[in-house]
Amino acid sequence: MMKSYVALVLAGLVLSGCGISASTYASSREALRGSSAMRSDFIRTCTRNISRKPLKTRQNIAKVMNTSVRNTPRLYCKRITHGITSGRLSHADISAASRGQVTPAIIRVLQGR
């Protein structure tokens, strides 16, 4: 049951750069690390996109993240952004997510652990 929730959560990782090369991912990560304006824009765009997901999807994401549906879009995007910029989410994690695979790092980041 948890795997189905996680699969829905991972669909949102497209916003994080799925399907990009390792060098492009690394460059994007460095740009996000070094620019608070870029991070803010990334979080704002991500939040808008996650807010547009179907209610059921947002409910499932909220369950995985242990938060309310109302708080899910912004918290999801903040955690993903922090996971990327901190190096806790690697290119391999994001690539796995794009294939619908779950990594322990993704779960830890989304749950704020």
PDB file of N, CA and C in Angstrom:
ATOM      1  N   MET A   1       0.833  -1.184   0.000  1.00  0.00           N
ATOM      2  CA  MET A   1       0.000   0.000   0.000  1.00  0.00           C
ATOM      3  C   MET A   1       0.879   1.250   0.000  1.00  0.00           C
ATOM      4  N   MET A   2       1.944   1.260   0.780  1.00  0.00           N
ATOM      5  CA  MET A   2       2.839   2.406   0.829  1.00  0.00           C
ATOM      6  C   MET A   2       3.455   2.650  -0.542  1.00  0.00           C
ATOM      7  N   LYS A   3       3.767   1.574  -1.274  1.00  0.00           N
ATOM      8  CA  LYS A   3       4.394   1.726  -2.585  1.00  0.00           C
ATOM      9  C   LYS A   3       3.487   2.492  -3.541  1.00  0.00           C
ATOM     10  N   SER A   4       2.163   2.249  -3.491  1.00  0.00           N
ATOM     11  CA  SER A   4       1.267   2.981  -4.387  1.00  0.00           C
ATOM     12  C   SER A   4       1.238   4.464  -4.036  1.00  0.00           C
ATOM     13  N   TYR A   5       1.281   4.797  -2.743  1.00  0.00           N
ATOM     14  CA  TYR A   5       1.341   6.197  -2.346  1.00  0.00           C
ATOM     15  C   TYR A   5       2.624   6.835  -2.848  1.00  0.00           C
ATOM     16  N   VAL A   6       3.706   6.125  -2.699  1.00  0.00           N
ATOM     17  CA  VAL A   6       5.005   6.653  -3.092  1.00  0.00           C
ATOM     18  C   VAL A   6       5.055   6.840  -4.605  1.00  0.00           C
ATOM     19  N   ALA A   7       4.467   5.936  -5.361  1.00  0.00           N
ATOM     20  CA  ALA A   7       4.456   6.090  -6.815  1.00  0.00           C
ATOM     21  C   ALA A   7       3.777   7.397  -7.210  1.00  0.00           C
ATOM     22  N   LEU A   8       2.710   7.745  -6.520  1.00  0.00           N
ATOM     23  CA  LEU A   8       2.031   9.009  -6.805  1.00  0.00           C
ATOM     24  C   LEU A   8       2.892  10.198  -6.411  1.00  0.00           C
ATOM     25  N   VAL A   9       3.581  10.073  -5.301  1.00  0.00           N
ATOM     26  CA  VAL A   9       4.474  11.148  -4.867  1.00  0.00           C
ATOM     27  C   VAL A   9       5.575  11.349  -5.904  1.00  0.00           C
ATOM     28  N   LEU A  10       6.094  10.271  -6.400  1.00  0.00           N
ATOM     29  CA  LEU A  10       7.222  10.355  -7.315  1.00  0.00           C
ATOM     30  C   LEU A  10       6.851  11.007  -8.638  1.00  0.00           C
ATOM     31  N   ALA A  11       5.584  10.948  -8.982  1.00  0.00           N
ATOM     32  CA  ALA A  11       5.160  11.609 -10.216  1.00  0.00           C
ATOM     33  C   ALA A  11       5.494  13.097 -10.158  1.00  0.00           C
ATOM     34  N   GLY A  12       5.435  13.668  -8.982  1.00  0.00           N
ATOM     35  CA  GLY A  12       5.767  15.076  -8.811  1.00  0.00           C
ATOM     36  C   GLY A  12       7.239  15.392  -8.956  1.00  0.00           C
ATOM     37  N   LEU A  13       8.074  14.382  -8.930  1.00  0.00           N
ATOM     38  CA  LEU A  13       9.509  14.627  -9.043  1.00  0.00           C
ATOM     39  C   LEU A  13       9.928  15.074 -10.433  1.00  0.00           C
ATOM     40  N   VAL A  14       9.020  15.024 -11.379  1.00  0.00           N
ATOM     41  CA  VAL A  14       9.314  15.567 -12.695  1.00  0.00           C
ATOM     42  C   VAL A  14       9.766  17.009 -12.550  1.00  0.00           C
ATOM     43  N   LEU A  15       9.213  17.700 -11.577  1.00  0.00           N
ATOM     44  CA  LEU A  15       9.565  19.093 -11.333  1.00  0.00           C
ATOM     45  C   LEU A  15      10.998  19.246 -10.870  1.00  0.00           C
ATOM     46  N   SER A  16      11.585  18.156 -10.427  1.00  0.00           N
ATOM     47  CA  SER A  16      12.924  18.229  -9.860  1.00  0.00           C
ATOM     48  C   SER A  16      14.023  17.941 -10.864  1.00  0.00           C
ATOM     49  N   GLY A  17      13.677  17.729 -12.092  1.00  0.00           N
ATOM     50  CA  GLY A  17      14.710  17.536 -13.100  1.00  0.00           C
ATOM     51  C   GLY A  17      14.841  16.112 -13.591  1.00  0.00           C
ATOM     52  N   CYS A  18      13.788  15.317 -13.496  1.00  0.00           N
ATOM     53  CA  CYS A  18      13.853  13.947 -13.991  1.00  0.00           C
ATOM     54  C   CYS A  18      14.183  13.944 -15.472  1.00  0.00           C
ATOM     55  N   GLY A  19      14.916  12.955 -15.878  1.00  0.00           N
ATOM     56  CA  GLY A  19      15.206  12.794 -17.287  1.00  0.00           C
ATOM     57  C   GLY A  19      16.326  13.699 -17.787  1.00  0.00           C
ATOM     58  N   ILE A  20      17.087  14.303 -16.908  1.00  0.00           N
ATOM     59  CA  ILE A  20      18.201  15.145 -17.343  1.00  0.00           C
ATOM     60  C   ILE A  20      19.514  14.416 -17.095  1.00  0.00           C
ATOM     61  N   SER A  21      20.532  14.846 -17.791  1.00  0.00           N
ATOM     62  CA  SER A  21      21.836  14.211 -17.636  1.00  0.00           C
ATOM     63  C   SER A  21      22.414  14.522 -16.259  1.00  0.00           C
ATOM     64  N   ALA A  22      23.385  13.724 -15.873  1.00  0.00           N
ATOM     65  CA  ALA A  22      24.031  13.926 -14.575  1.00  0.00           C
ATOM     66  C   ALA A  22      24.707  15.296 -14.502  1.00  0.00           C
ATOM     67  N   SER A  23      25.330  15.725 -15.589  1.00  0.00           N
ATOM     68  CA  SER A  23      26.009  17.024 -15.554  1.00  0.00           C
ATOM     69  C   SER A  23      25.003  18.175 -15.493  1.00  0.00           C
ATOM     70  N   THR A  24      23.885  18.052 -16.193  1.00  0.00           N
ATOM     71  CA  THR A  24      22.855  19.092 -16.131  1.00  0.00           C
ATOM     72  C   THR A  24      22.236  19.133 -14.742  1.00  0.00           C
ATOM     73  N   TYR A  25      22.008  17.952 -14.149  1.00  0.00           N
ATOM     74  CA  TYR A  25      21.469  17.887 -12.796  1.00  0.00           C
ATOM     75  C   TYR A  25      22.422  18.570 -11.816  1.00  0.00           C
ATOM     76  N   ALA A  26      23.713  18.270 -11.946  1.00  0.00           N
ATOM     77  CA  ALA A  26      24.707  18.859 -11.043  1.00  0.00           C
ATOM     78  C   ALA A  26      24.760  20.379 -11.211  1.00  0.00           C
ATOM     79  N   SER A  27      24.711  20.852 -12.430  1.00  0.00           N
ATOM     80  CA  SER A  27      24.716  22.298 -12.674  1.00  0.00           C
ATOM     81  C   SER A  27      23.468  22.959 -12.104  1.00  0.00           C
ATOM     82  N   SER A  28      22.328  22.326 -12.306  1.00  0.00           N
ATOM     83  CA  SER A  28      21.068  22.867 -11.782  1.00  0.00           C
ATOM     84  C   SER A  28      21.089  22.895 -10.264  1.00  0.00           C
ATOM     85  N   ARG A  29      21.607  21.838  -9.660  1.00  0.00           N
ATOM     86  CA  ARG A  29      21.706  21.775  -8.211  1.00  0.00           C
ATOM     87  C   ARG A  29      22.583  22.910  -7.681  1.00  0.00           C
ATOM     88  N   GLU A  30      23.708  23.144  -8.338  1.00  0.00           N
ATOM     89  CA  GLU A  30      24.605  24.224  -7.911  1.00  0.00           C
ATOM     90  C   GLU A  30      23.939  25.586  -8.061  1.00  0.00           C
ATOM     91  N   ALA A  31      23.193  25.771  -9.135  1.00  0.00           N
ATOM     92  CA  ALA A  31      22.483  27.042  -9.335  1.00  0.00           C
ATOM     93  C   ALA A  31      21.446  27.254  -8.235  1.00  0.00           C
ATOM     94  N   LEU A  32      20.720  26.206  -7.889  1.00  0.00           N
ATOM     95  CA  LEU A  32      19.736  26.314  -6.804  1.00  0.00           C
ATOM     96  C   LEU A  32      20.422  26.587  -5.471  1.00  0.00           C
ATOM     97  N   ARG A  33      21.544  25.929  -5.245  1.00  0.00           N
ATOM     98  CA  ARG A  33      22.298  26.145  -3.998  1.00  0.00           C
ATOM     99  C   ARG A  33      22.727  27.592  -3.836  1.00  0.00           C
ATOM    100  N   GLY A  34      23.172  28.193  -4.937  1.00  0.00           N
ATOM    101  CA  GLY A  34      23.783  29.505  -4.863  1.00  0.00           C
ATOM    102  C   GLY A  34      22.846  30.685  -5.036  1.00  0.00           C
ATOM    103  N   SER A  35      21.589  30.428  -5.338  1.00  0.00           N
ATOM    104  CA  SER A  35      20.682  31.545  -5.618  1.00  0.00           C
ATOM    105  C   SER A  35      19.366  31.382  -4.869  1.00  0.00           C
ATOM    106  N   SER A  36      19.167  32.218  -3.875  1.00  0.00           N
ATOM    107  CA  SER A  36      17.905  32.164  -3.133  1.00  0.00           C
ATOM    108  C   SER A  36      16.734  32.544  -4.037  1.00  0.00           C
ATOM    109  N   ALA A  37      16.973  33.411  -5.007  1.00  0.00           N
ATOM    110  CA  ALA A  37      15.910  33.787  -5.948  1.00  0.00           C
ATOM    111  C   ALA A  37      15.493  32.586  -6.797  1.00  0.00           C
ATOM    112  N   MET A  38      16.467  31.796  -7.241  1.00  0.00           N
ATOM    113  CA  MET A  38      16.145  30.598  -8.021  1.00  0.00           C
ATOM    114  C   MET A  38      15.398  29.580  -7.177  1.00  0.00           C
ATOM    115  N   ARG A  39      15.830  29.404  -5.923  1.00  0.00           N
ATOM    116  CA  ARG A  39      15.125  28.470  -5.035  1.00  0.00           C
ATOM    117  C   ARG A  39      13.690  28.918  -4.823  1.00  0.00           C
ATOM    118  N   SER A  40      13.498  30.194  -4.579  1.00  0.00           N
ATOM    119  CA  SER A  40      12.143  30.719  -4.371  1.00  0.00           C
ATOM    120  C   SER A  40      11.276  30.501  -5.600  1.00  0.00           C
ATOM    121  N   ASP A  41      11.832  30.773  -6.769  1.00  0.00           N
ATOM    122  CA  ASP A  41      11.086  30.584  -8.011  1.00  0.00           C
ATOM    123  C   ASP A  41      10.765  29.111  -8.228  1.00  0.00           C
ATOM    124  N   PHE A  42      11.734  28.244  -7.969  1.00  0.00           N
ATOM    125  CA  PHE A  42      11.542  26.803  -8.124  1.00  0.00           C
ATOM    126  C   PHE A  42      10.426  26.322  -7.191  1.00  0.00           C
ATOM    127  N   ILE A  43      10.464  26.750  -5.944  1.00  0.00           N
ATOM    128  CA  ILE A  43       9.442  26.343  -4.963  1.00  0.00           C
ATOM    129  C   ILE A  43       8.081  26.887  -5.366  1.00  0.00           C
ATOM    130  N   ARG A  44       8.033  28.128  -5.821  1.00  0.00           N
ATOM    131  CA  ARG A  44       6.760  28.738  -6.223  1.00  0.00           C
ATOM    132  C   ARG A  44       6.151  27.978  -7.413  1.00  0.00           C
ATOM    133  N   THR A  45       6.957  27.681  -8.422  1.00  0.00           N
ATOM    134  CA  THR A  45       6.473  26.960  -9.597  1.00  0.00           C
ATOM    135  C   THR A  45       6.049  25.540  -9.222  1.00  0.00           C
ATOM    136  N   CYS A  46       6.865  24.886  -8.448  1.00  0.00           N
ATOM    137  CA  CYS A  46       6.563  23.537  -7.986  1.00  0.00           C
ATOM    138  C   CYS A  46       5.256  23.513  -7.192  1.00  0.00           C
ATOM    139  N   THR A  47       5.096  24.456  -6.267  1.00  0.00           N
ATOM    140  CA  THR A  47       3.889  24.518  -5.429  1.00  0.00           C
ATOM    141  C   THR A  47       2.646  24.697  -6.297  1.00  0.00           C
ATOM    142  N   ARG A  48       2.741  25.575  -7.266  1.00  0.00           N
ATOM    143  CA  ARG A  48       1.604  25.795  -8.175  1.00  0.00           C
ATOM    144  C   ARG A  48       1.257  24.495  -8.913  1.00  0.00           C
ATOM    145  N   ASN A  49       2.278  23.794  -9.396  1.00  0.00           N
ATOM    146  CA  ASN A  49       2.037  22.550 -10.135  1.00  0.00           C
ATOM    147  C   ASN A  49       1.479  21.441  -9.249  1.00  0.00           C
ATOM    148  N   ILE A  50       2.008  21.302  -8.056  1.00  0.00           N
ATOM    149  CA  ILE A  50       1.506  20.268  -7.143  1.00  0.00           C
ATOM    150  C   ILE A  50       0.081  20.595  -6.703  1.00  0.00           C
ATOM    151  N   SER A  51      -0.221  21.869  -6.522  1.00  0.00           N
ATOM    152  CA  SER A  51      -1.578  22.280  -6.129  1.00  0.00           C
ATOM    153  C   SER A  51      -2.611  21.922  -7.185  1.00  0.00           C
ATOM    154  N   ARG A  52      -2.188  21.789  -8.411  1.00  0.00           N
ATOM    155  CA  ARG A  52      -3.090  21.449  -9.524  1.00  0.00           C
ATOM    156  C   ARG A  52      -3.290  19.947  -9.697  1.00  0.00           C
ATOM    157  N   LYS A  53      -2.548  19.159  -8.949  1.00  0.00           N
ATOM    158  CA  LYS A  53      -2.711  17.708  -9.029  1.00  0.00           C
ATOM    159  C   LYS A  53      -4.102  17.338  -8.497  1.00  0.00           C
ATOM    160  N   PRO A  54      -4.648  16.221  -8.938  1.00  0.00           N
ATOM    161  CA  PRO A  54      -5.956  15.790  -8.427  1.00  0.00           C
ATOM    162  C   PRO A  54      -5.926  15.633  -6.899  1.00  0.00           C
ATOM    163  N   LEU A  55      -7.059  15.862  -6.287  1.00  0.00           N
ATOM    164  CA  LEU A  55      -7.169  15.771  -4.828  1.00  0.00           C
ATOM    165  C   LEU A  55      -6.654  14.433  -4.318  1.00  0.00           C
ATOM    166  N   LYS A  56      -7.010  13.351  -4.953  1.00  0.00           N
ATOM    167  CA  LYS A  56      -6.584  12.017  -4.501  1.00  0.00           C
ATOM    168  C   LYS A  56      -5.052  11.916  -4.491  1.00  0.00           C
ATOM    169  N   THR A  57      -4.424  12.464  -5.491  1.00  0.00           N
ATOM    170  CA  THR A  57      -2.960  12.453  -5.548  1.00  0.00           C
ATOM    171  C   THR A  57      -2.387  13.239  -4.381  1.00  0.00           C
ATOM    172  N   ARG A  58      -2.935  14.438  -4.139  1.00  0.00           N
ATOM    173  CA  ARG A  58      -2.451  15.262  -3.027  1.00  0.00           C
ATOM    174  C   ARG A  58      -2.717  14.591  -1.688  1.00  0.00           C
ATOM    175  N   GLN A  59      -3.821  13.875  -1.564  1.00  0.00           N
ATOM    176  CA  GLN A  59      -4.112  13.143  -0.324  1.00  0.00           C
ATOM    177  C   GLN A  59      -3.082  12.044  -0.104  1.00  0.00           C
ATOM    178  N   ASN A  60      -2.728  11.347  -1.155  1.00  0.00           N
ATOM    179  CA  ASN A  60      -1.736  10.278  -1.036  1.00  0.00           C
ATOM    180  C   ASN A  60      -0.353  10.829  -0.718  1.00  0.00           C
ATOM    181  N   ILE A  61      -0.005  11.935  -1.327  1.00  0.00           N
ATOM    182  CA  ILE A  61       1.276  12.573  -1.018  1.00  0.00           C
ATOM    183  C   ILE A  61       1.289  12.982   0.452  1.00  0.00           C
ATOM    184  N   ALA A  62       0.188  13.559   0.917  1.00  0.00           N
ATOM    185  CA  ALA A  62       0.086  14.000   2.319  1.00  0.00           C
ATOM    186  C   ALA A  62       0.287  12.821   3.276  1.00  0.00           C
ATOM    187  N   LYS A  63      -0.251  11.665   2.937  1.00  0.00           N
ATOM    188  CA  LYS A  63      -0.087  10.482   3.797  1.00  0.00           C
ATOM    189  C   LYS A  63       1.375  10.077   3.904  1.00  0.00           C
ATOM    190  N   VAL A  64       2.065  10.070   2.779  1.00  0.00           N
ATOM    191  CA  VAL A  64       3.483   9.695   2.794  1.00  0.00           C
ATOM    192  C   VAL A  64       4.290  10.707   3.609  1.00  0.00           C
ATOM    193  N   MET A  65       3.927  11.970   3.479  1.00  0.00           N
ATOM    194  CA  MET A  65       4.682  13.034   4.138  1.00  0.00           C
ATOM    195  C   MET A  65       4.238  13.295   5.569  1.00  0.00           C
ATOM    196  N   ASN A  66       3.174  12.645   6.000  1.00  0.00           N
ATOM    197  CA  ASN A  66       2.655  12.850   7.355  1.00  0.00           C
ATOM    198  C   ASN A  66       2.271  14.311   7.594  1.00  0.00           C
ATOM    199  N   THR A  67       1.517  14.872   6.661  1.00  0.00           N
ATOM    200  CA  THR A  67       1.081  16.256   6.782  1.00  0.00           C
ATOM    201  C   THR A  67      -0.351  16.377   6.266  1.00  0.00           C
ATOM    202  N   SER A  68      -0.900  17.562   6.352  1.00  0.00           N
ATOM    203  CA  SER A  68      -2.259  17.789   5.856  1.00  0.00           C
ATOM    204  C   SER A  68      -2.234  18.010   4.347  1.00  0.00           C
ATOM    205  N   VAL A  69      -3.359  17.771   3.706  1.00  0.00           N
ATOM    206  CA  VAL A  69      -3.469  18.004   2.269  1.00  0.00           C
ATOM    207  C   VAL A  69      -3.223  19.482   1.976  1.00  0.00           C
ATOM    208  N   ARG A  70      -3.716  20.337   2.827  1.00  0.00           N
ATOM    209  CA  ARG A  70      -3.566  21.790   2.638  1.00  0.00           C
ATOM    210  C   ARG A  70      -2.092  22.198   2.615  1.00  0.00           C
ATOM    211  N   ASN A  71      -1.286  21.612   3.467  1.00  0.00           N
ATOM    212  CA  ASN A  71       0.134  21.968   3.556  1.00  0.00           C
ATOM    213  C   ASN A  71       1.021  21.218   2.566  1.00  0.00           C
ATOM    214  N   THR A  72       0.470  20.206   1.926  1.00  0.00           N
ATOM    215  CA  THR A  72       1.278  19.331   1.084  1.00  0.00           C
ATOM    216  C   THR A  72       2.035  20.028  -0.033  1.00  0.00           C
ATOM    217  N   PRO A  73       1.408  20.828  -0.897  1.00  0.00           N
ATOM    218  CA  PRO A  73       2.164  21.361  -2.044  1.00  0.00           C
ATOM    219  C   PRO A  73       3.426  22.139  -1.656  1.00  0.00           C
ATOM    220  N   ARG A  74       3.295  23.084  -0.779  1.00  0.00           N
ATOM    221  CA  ARG A  74       4.459  23.913  -0.420  1.00  0.00           C
ATOM    222  C   ARG A  74       5.506  23.101   0.343  1.00  0.00           C
ATOM    223  N   LEU A  75       5.064  22.280   1.299  1.00  0.00           N
ATOM    224  CA  LEU A  75       6.005  21.479   2.078  1.00  0.00           C
ATOM    225  C   LEU A  75       6.731  20.471   1.190  1.00  0.00           C
ATOM    226  N   TYR A  76       6.002  19.827   0.289  1.00  0.00           N
ATOM    227  CA  TYR A  76       6.591  18.889  -0.663  1.00  0.00           C
ATOM    228  C   TYR A  76       7.713  19.584  -1.443  1.00  0.00           C
ATOM    229  N   CYS A  77       7.404  20.750  -1.987  1.00  0.00           N
ATOM    230  CA  CYS A  77       8.364  21.461  -2.823  1.00  0.00           C
ATOM    231  C   CYS A  77       9.563  21.959  -2.024  1.00  0.00           C
ATOM    232  N   LYS A  78       9.331  22.407  -0.807  1.00  0.00           N
ATOM    233  CA  LYS A  78      10.447  22.841   0.040  1.00  0.00           C
ATOM    234  C   LYS A  78      11.361  21.662   0.361  1.00  0.00           C
ATOM    235  N   ARG A  79      10.756  20.519   0.681  1.00  0.00           N
ATOM    236  CA  ARG A  79      11.572  19.346   1.028  1.00  0.00           C
ATOM    237  C   ARG A  79      12.344  18.824  -0.172  1.00  0.00           C
ATOM    238  N   ILE A  80      11.711  18.783  -1.337  1.00  0.00           N
ATOM    239  CA  ILE A  80      12.405  18.325  -2.549  1.00  0.00           C
ATOM    240  C   ILE A  80      13.555  19.278  -2.867  1.00  0.00           C
ATOM    241  N   THR A  81      13.297  20.567  -2.797  1.00  0.00           N
ATOM    242  CA  THR A  81      14.333  21.555  -3.085  1.00  0.00           C
ATOM    243  C   THR A  81      15.496  21.414  -2.108  1.00  0.00           C
ATOM    244  N   HIS A  82      15.169  21.275  -0.833  1.00  0.00           N
ATOM    245  CA  HIS A  82      16.231  21.101   0.164  1.00  0.00           C
ATOM    246  C   HIS A  82      16.985  19.791  -0.070  1.00  0.00           C
ATOM    247  N   GLY A  83      16.266  18.739  -0.425  1.00  0.00           N
ATOM    248  CA  GLY A  83      16.916  17.458  -0.710  1.00  0.00           C
ATOM    249  C   GLY A  83      17.894  17.549  -1.866  1.00  0.00           C
ATOM    250  N   ILE A  84      17.513  18.307  -2.873  1.00  0.00           N
ATOM    251  CA  ILE A  84      18.397  18.488  -4.030  1.00  0.00           C
ATOM    252  C   ILE A  84      19.605  19.343  -3.648  1.00  0.00           C
ATOM    253  N   THR A  85      19.340  20.494  -3.036  1.00  0.00           N
ATOM    254  CA  THR A  85      20.441  21.424  -2.745  1.00  0.00           C
ATOM    255  C   THR A  85      21.396  20.899  -1.690  1.00  0.00           C
ATOM    256  N   SER A  86      20.889  20.095  -0.761  1.00  0.00           N
ATOM    257  CA  SER A  86      21.746  19.544   0.285  1.00  0.00           C
ATOM    258  C   SER A  86      22.568  18.348  -0.195  1.00  0.00           C
ATOM    259  N   GLY A  87      22.201  17.828  -1.356  1.00  0.00           N
ATOM    260  CA  GLY A  87      22.874  16.641  -1.866  1.00  0.00           C
ATOM    261  C   GLY A  87      22.273  15.342  -1.365  1.00  0.00           C
ATOM    262  N   ARG A  88      21.220  15.420  -0.571  1.00  0.00           N
ATOM    263  CA  ARG A  88      20.572  14.210  -0.067  1.00  0.00           C
ATOM    264  C   ARG A  88      19.824  13.472  -1.163  1.00  0.00           C
ATOM    265  N   LEU A  89      19.375  14.186  -2.199  1.00  0.00           N
ATOM    266  CA  LEU A  89      18.763  13.550  -3.367  1.00  0.00           C
ATOM    267  C   LEU A  89      19.753  13.651  -4.521  1.00  0.00           C
ATOM    268  N   SER A  90      20.241  12.517  -4.912  1.00  0.00           N
ATOM    269  CA  SER A  90      21.236  12.465  -5.977  1.00  0.00           C
ATOM    270  C   SER A  90      20.555  12.369  -7.343  1.00  0.00           C
ATOM    271  N   HIS A  91      21.368  12.497  -8.352  1.00  0.00           N
ATOM    272  CA  HIS A  91      20.869  12.290  -9.712  1.00  0.00           C
ATOM    273  C   HIS A  91      20.285  10.883  -9.828  1.00  0.00           C
ATOM    274  N   ALA A  92      20.927   9.909  -9.205  1.00  0.00           N
ATOM    275  CA  ALA A  92      20.424   8.531  -9.248  1.00  0.00           C
ATOM    276  C   ALA A  92      19.041   8.423  -8.607  1.00  0.00           C
ATOM    277  N   ASP A  93      18.824   9.142  -7.499  1.00  0.00           N
ATOM    278  CA  ASP A  93      17.500   9.132  -6.856  1.00  0.00           C
ATOM    279  C   ASP A  93      16.439   9.707  -7.790  1.00  0.00           C
ATOM    280  N   ILE A  94      16.750  10.837  -8.400  1.00  0.00           N
ATOM    281  CA  ILE A  94      15.800  11.493  -9.282  1.00  0.00           C
ATOM    282  C   ILE A  94      15.556  10.641 -10.526  1.00  0.00           C
ATOM    283  N   SER A  95      16.596  10.030 -11.053  1.00  0.00           N
ATOM    284  CA  SER A  95      16.435   9.144 -12.209  1.00  0.00           C
ATOM    285  C   SER A  95      15.579   7.931 -11.855  1.00  0.00           C
ATOM    286  N   ALA A  96      15.803   7.368 -10.678  1.00  0.00           N
ATOM    287  CA  ALA A  96      14.986   6.234 -10.231  1.00  0.00           C
ATOM    288  C   ALA A  96      13.524   6.661 -10.116  1.00  0.00           C
ATOM    289  N   ALA A  97      13.305   7.846  -9.570  1.00  0.00           N
ATOM    290  CA  ALA A  97      11.942   8.356  -9.424  1.00  0.00           C
ATOM    291  C   ALA A  97      11.261   8.491 -10.779  1.00  0.00           C
ATOM    292  N   SER A  98      12.007   8.924 -11.776  1.00  0.00           N
ATOM    293  CA  SER A  98      11.423   9.089 -13.107  1.00  0.00           C
ATOM    294  C   SER A  98      10.996   7.751 -13.702  1.00  0.00           C
ATOM    295  N   ARG A  99      11.594   6.667 -13.199  1.00  0.00           N
ATOM    296  CA  ARG A  99      11.217   5.320 -13.637  1.00  0.00           C
ATOM    297  C   ARG A  99      10.190   4.688 -12.705  1.00  0.00           C
ATOM    298  N   GLY A 100       9.721   5.459 -11.727  1.00  0.00           N
ATOM    299  CA  GLY A 100       8.714   4.951 -10.793  1.00  0.00           C
ATOM    300  C   GLY A 100       9.292   4.096  -9.679  1.00  0.00           C
ATOM    301  N   GLN A 101      10.597   4.177  -9.474  1.00  0.00           N
ATOM    302  CA  GLN A 101      11.241   3.397  -8.430  1.00  0.00           C
ATOM    303  C   GLN A 101      11.433   4.262  -7.188  1.00  0.00           C
ATOM    304  N   VAL A 102      11.304   3.627  -6.050  1.00  0.00           N
ATOM    305  CA  VAL A 102      11.414   4.330  -4.778  1.00  0.00           C
ATOM    306  C   VAL A 102      12.795   4.082  -4.185  1.00  0.00           C
ATOM    307  N   THR A 103      13.411   5.157  -3.723  1.00  0.00           N
ATOM    308  CA  THR A 103      14.671   4.994  -3.011  1.00  0.00           C
ATOM    309  C   THR A 103      14.452   5.421  -1.558  1.00  0.00           C
ATOM    310  N   PRO A 104      15.205   4.847  -0.649  1.00  0.00           N
ATOM    311  CA  PRO A 104      15.082   5.262   0.750  1.00  0.00           C
ATOM    312  C   PRO A 104      15.343   6.761   0.940  1.00  0.00           C
ATOM    313  N   ALA A 105      16.258   7.323   0.151  1.00  0.00           N
ATOM    314  CA  ALA A 105      16.566   8.755   0.287  1.00  0.00           C
ATOM    315  C   ALA A 105      15.340   9.610  -0.035  1.00  0.00           C
ATOM    316  N   ILE A 106      14.597   9.236  -1.043  1.00  0.00           N
ATOM    317  CA  ILE A 106      13.398   9.994  -1.409  1.00  0.00           C
ATOM    318  C   ILE A 106      12.388   9.971  -0.273  1.00  0.00           C
ATOM    319  N   ILE A 107      12.170   8.811   0.297  1.00  0.00           N
ATOM    320  CA  ILE A 107      11.215   8.697   1.410  1.00  0.00           C
ATOM    321  C   ILE A 107      11.675   9.541   2.588  1.00  0.00           C
ATOM    322  N   ARG A 108      12.958   9.431   2.941  1.00  0.00           N
ATOM    323  CA  ARG A 108      13.481  10.214   4.071  1.00  0.00           C
ATOM    324  C   ARG A 108      13.305  11.716   3.837  1.00  0.00           C
ATOM    325  N   VAL A 109      13.631  12.174   2.662  1.00  0.00           N
ATOM    326  CA  VAL A 109      13.517  13.602   2.358  1.00  0.00           C
ATOM    327  C   VAL A 109      12.059  14.044   2.428  1.00  0.00           C
ATOM    328  N   LEU A 110      11.160  13.296   1.808  1.00  0.00           N
ATOM    329  CA  LEU A 110       9.748  13.693   1.802  1.00  0.00           C
ATOM    330  C   LEU A 110       9.143  13.654   3.191  1.00  0.00           C
ATOM    331  N   GLN A 111       9.637  12.773   4.051  1.00  0.00           N
ATOM    332  CA  GLN A 111       9.104  12.699   5.402  1.00  0.00           C
ATOM    333  C   GLN A 111       9.847  13.630   6.359  1.00  0.00           C
ATOM    334  N   GLY A 112      10.791  14.385   5.844  1.00  0.00           N
ATOM    335  CA  GLY A 112      11.509  15.335   6.680  1.00  0.00           C
ATOM    336  C   GLY A 112      12.436  14.682   7.680  1.00  0.00           C
ATOM    337  N   ARG A 113      12.929  13.496   7.340  1.00  0.00           N
ATOM    338  CA  ARG A 113      13.852  12.777   8.235  1.00  0.00           C
ATOM    339  C   ARG A 113      15.266  12.868   7.726  1.00  0.00           C
TER     340      ARG A 113
END
